[in-house]
Amino acid sequence: MKFILILFLTIWLAACSSAEKSEVIPDRFKDFMSTYFNGYDYEYEDISVRGNRNYGRQSALFTIKKTDLSQAEMSNIYKKLDDGGWRIVETNSKNYINFCYGDDSSLYILFPLKKNETTVSGSPINYEDMNAWNIFIYKSTTKIAKCNQDPNDFIDFTKL
């Protein structure tokens, strides 16, 4: 009897320890996706910096297959984002756009066309899947510099 009990506990512990944990999407990101990308199948990846995970900073990457979401459909989503208070802070008008919401939320959307993509300013863009829209959302506990920039505050040194 003792042997059967030990065997049962061993099997039970092994089963529990090998069970995969499903990633839970934080509510703020789930709400965002249901508001703007409702009806599209997506993959979610938590890419928060592990040391900051419990301090309110969160980053997430959502990917939607290019075959499931056309560029025309994405243009309509851009309009919904604009109507929802997201404002464009950078775009190359081709396959990359960066939005801000308030001063602490940033959204990058990339439709990869080549292996090495860059922002308008030339910074490399890291992305996960060439065959999918890469939607990166960042929610900070502090102000994001790009979201607080006023284009009128910049000095054009070429005119001095």
Protein backbone atom coordinates (compact mmCIF):
# COMPACT_ATOMS: atom_id res chain seq x y z
CA MET A 1 0.00 0.00 0.00
CA LYS A 2 2.82 2.35 0.90
CA PHE A 3 4.52 1.56 -2.43
CA ILE A 4 1.34 2.40 -4.40
CA LEU A 5 0.96 5.69 -2.54
CA ILE A 6 4.58 6.67 -3.25
CA LEU A 7 4.19 5.65 -6.90
CA PHE A 8 0.99 7.70 -7.22
CA LEU A 9 2.61 10.79 -5.64
CA THR A 10 5.67 10.45 -7.89
CA ILE A 11 3.56 10.27 -11.05
CA TRP A 12 1.36 13.14 -9.87
CA LEU A 13 4.37 15.37 -9.13
CA ALA A 14 5.98 14.53 -12.47
CA ALA A 15 2.77 15.35 -14.31
CA CYS A 16 2.40 18.68 -12.52
CA SER A 17 6.00 19.73 -13.04
CA SER A 18 5.98 18.99 -16.77
CA ALA A 19 2.71 20.76 -17.51
CA GLU A 20 3.21 23.79 -19.74
CA LYS A 21 2.20 27.15 -18.38
CA SER A 22 0.04 29.15 -20.72
CA GLU A 23 1.02 32.79 -21.03
CA VAL A 24 -1.63 35.05 -19.63
CA ILE A 25 -2.10 38.25 -21.59
CA PRO A 26 -2.28 41.28 -19.28
CA ASP A 27 -5.69 42.97 -19.34
CA ARG A 28 -4.37 46.25 -20.77
CA PHE A 29 -2.96 44.41 -23.78
CA LYS A 30 -5.97 42.12 -24.13
CA ASP A 31 -8.28 45.16 -24.16
CA PHE A 32 -6.07 46.87 -26.74
CA MET A 33 -6.10 43.87 -29.06
CA SER A 34 -9.85 43.34 -28.73
CA THR A 35 -10.47 47.03 -29.47
CA TYR A 36 -8.25 47.38 -32.52
CA PHE A 37 -7.54 43.85 -33.79
CA ASN A 38 -10.81 42.10 -32.97
CA GLY A 39 -11.39 39.02 -35.11
CA TYR A 40 -7.73 38.46 -36.04
CA ASP A 41 -5.78 35.47 -34.76
CA TYR A 42 -2.54 36.55 -33.14
CA GLU A 43 0.42 35.16 -31.25
CA TYR A 44 1.41 36.82 -27.97
CA GLU A 45 4.84 37.05 -26.41
CA ASP A 46 5.67 38.78 -23.13
CA ILE A 47 8.91 40.64 -23.78
CA SER A 48 9.01 42.63 -20.55
CA VAL A 49 12.41 43.10 -19.00
CA ARG A 50 12.37 40.50 -16.26
CA GLY A 51 13.79 42.83 -13.61
CA ASN A 52 10.99 45.33 -14.23
CA ARG A 53 8.11 42.91 -14.60
CA ASN A 54 6.60 43.66 -11.22
CA TYR A 55 7.03 47.42 -11.38
CA GLY A 56 4.32 48.22 -13.89
CA ARG A 57 6.44 48.37 -17.04
CA GLN A 58 5.20 45.92 -19.60
CA SER A 59 6.12 45.10 -23.16
CA ALA A 60 4.35 42.72 -25.47
CA LEU A 61 4.81 41.50 -29.00
CA PHE A 62 1.82 40.41 -31.02
CA THR A 63 2.22 38.86 -34.44
CA ILE A 64 -0.54 38.46 -37.01
CA LYS A 65 0.13 36.53 -40.20
CA LYS A 66 0.34 38.71 -43.30
CA THR A 67 -2.11 36.36 -45.00
CA ASP A 68 -4.70 37.08 -42.29
CA LEU A 69 -4.40 40.89 -42.28
CA SER A 70 -3.97 42.90 -45.46
CA GLN A 71 -2.35 46.32 -45.70
CA ALA A 72 -5.73 47.81 -46.64
CA GLU A 73 -7.25 46.36 -43.45
CA MET A 74 -4.31 47.71 -41.46
CA SER A 75 -4.94 51.18 -42.91
CA ASN A 76 -8.43 51.01 -41.39
CA ILE A 77 -6.89 49.97 -38.06
CA TYR A 78 -4.54 52.98 -38.26
CA LYS A 79 -7.61 55.21 -38.60
CA LYS A 80 -9.23 53.52 -35.58
CA LEU A 81 -6.03 54.05 -33.59
CA ASP A 82 -6.02 57.74 -34.53
CA ASP A 83 -9.69 58.07 -33.57
CA GLY A 84 -8.92 56.30 -30.28
CA GLY A 85 -6.34 58.89 -29.24
CA TRP A 86 -3.17 57.25 -30.53
CA ARG A 87 -1.00 59.73 -32.43
CA ILE A 88 1.64 59.02 -35.03
CA VAL A 89 5.13 60.09 -33.96
CA GLU A 90 7.15 58.38 -36.71
CA THR A 91 6.45 56.57 -39.97
CA ASN A 92 8.20 55.76 -43.21
CA SER A 93 4.79 55.70 -44.99
CA LYS A 94 5.62 52.23 -46.30
CA ASN A 95 5.82 49.48 -43.72
CA TYR A 96 6.66 51.00 -40.32
CA ILE A 97 4.68 53.26 -38.00
CA ASN A 98 5.12 54.37 -34.39
CA PHE A 99 2.20 55.66 -32.30
CA CYS A 100 2.04 57.14 -28.80
CA TYR A 101 -0.90 57.24 -26.43
CA GLY A 102 -0.47 59.85 -23.75
CA ASP A 103 3.08 60.11 -22.52
CA ASP A 104 3.65 56.55 -21.30
CA SER A 105 2.41 54.16 -24.01
CA SER A 106 4.08 53.41 -27.30
CA LEU A 107 3.03 51.21 -30.21
CA TYR A 108 5.24 50.09 -33.10
CA ILE A 109 3.78 48.28 -36.09
CA LEU A 110 6.03 46.71 -38.70
CA PHE A 111 5.15 44.94 -41.94
CA PRO A 112 8.57 43.40 -42.69
CA LEU A 113 9.63 43.67 -46.33
CA LYS A 114 13.30 42.76 -45.94
CA LYS A 115 15.63 41.05 -43.50
CA ASN A 116 17.07 44.23 -41.98
CA GLU A 117 14.48 46.92 -41.30
CA THR A 118 15.24 50.36 -39.85
CA THR A 119 13.30 53.29 -38.46
CA VAL A 120 13.19 56.61 -40.30
CA SER A 121 16.20 57.76 -38.26
CA GLY A 122 18.14 54.61 -39.21
CA SER A 123 17.86 52.63 -35.97
CA PRO A 124 17.59 48.89 -36.61
CA ILE A 125 14.23 47.27 -35.90
CA ASN A 126 14.35 43.82 -34.36
CA TYR A 127 11.42 41.67 -35.29
CA GLU A 128 10.38 38.07 -34.85
CA ASP A 129 8.65 36.92 -38.01
CA MET A 130 9.15 38.03 -41.62
CA ASN A 131 5.75 36.58 -42.59
CA ALA A 132 3.72 38.45 -39.99
CA TRP A 133 2.78 41.92 -38.85
CA ASN A 134 4.89 42.64 -35.77
CA ILE A 135 2.96 44.73 -33.25
CA PHE A 136 5.02 45.88 -30.28
CA ILE A 137 3.29 47.59 -27.36
CA TYR A 138 5.16 49.22 -24.52
CA LYS A 139 3.57 50.61 -21.35
CA SER A 140 5.96 52.48 -19.07
CA THR A 141 5.74 53.75 -15.51
CA THR A 142 7.55 56.91 -16.63
CA LYS A 143 7.24 59.28 -19.55
CA ILE A 144 8.56 58.10 -22.91
CA ALA A 145 10.77 60.76 -24.52
CA LYS A 146 9.45 60.25 -28.04
CA CYS A 147 5.86 60.62 -26.82
CA ASN A 148 6.68 63.95 -25.15
CA GLN A 149 8.54 65.60 -28.01
CA ASP A 150 7.16 68.75 -29.52
CA PRO A 151 8.43 69.21 -33.09
CA ASN A 152 8.57 72.97 -32.44
CA ASP A 153 11.19 72.44 -29.72
CA PHE A 154 13.88 71.24 -32.13
CA ILE A 155 16.57 73.49 -33.52
CA ASP A 156 17.40 73.09 -37.20
CA PHE A 157 21.16 73.56 -37.09
CA THR A 158 21.36 73.69 -40.88
CA LYS A 159 19.65 77.09 -40.77
CA LEU A 160 22.04 78.70 -38.27
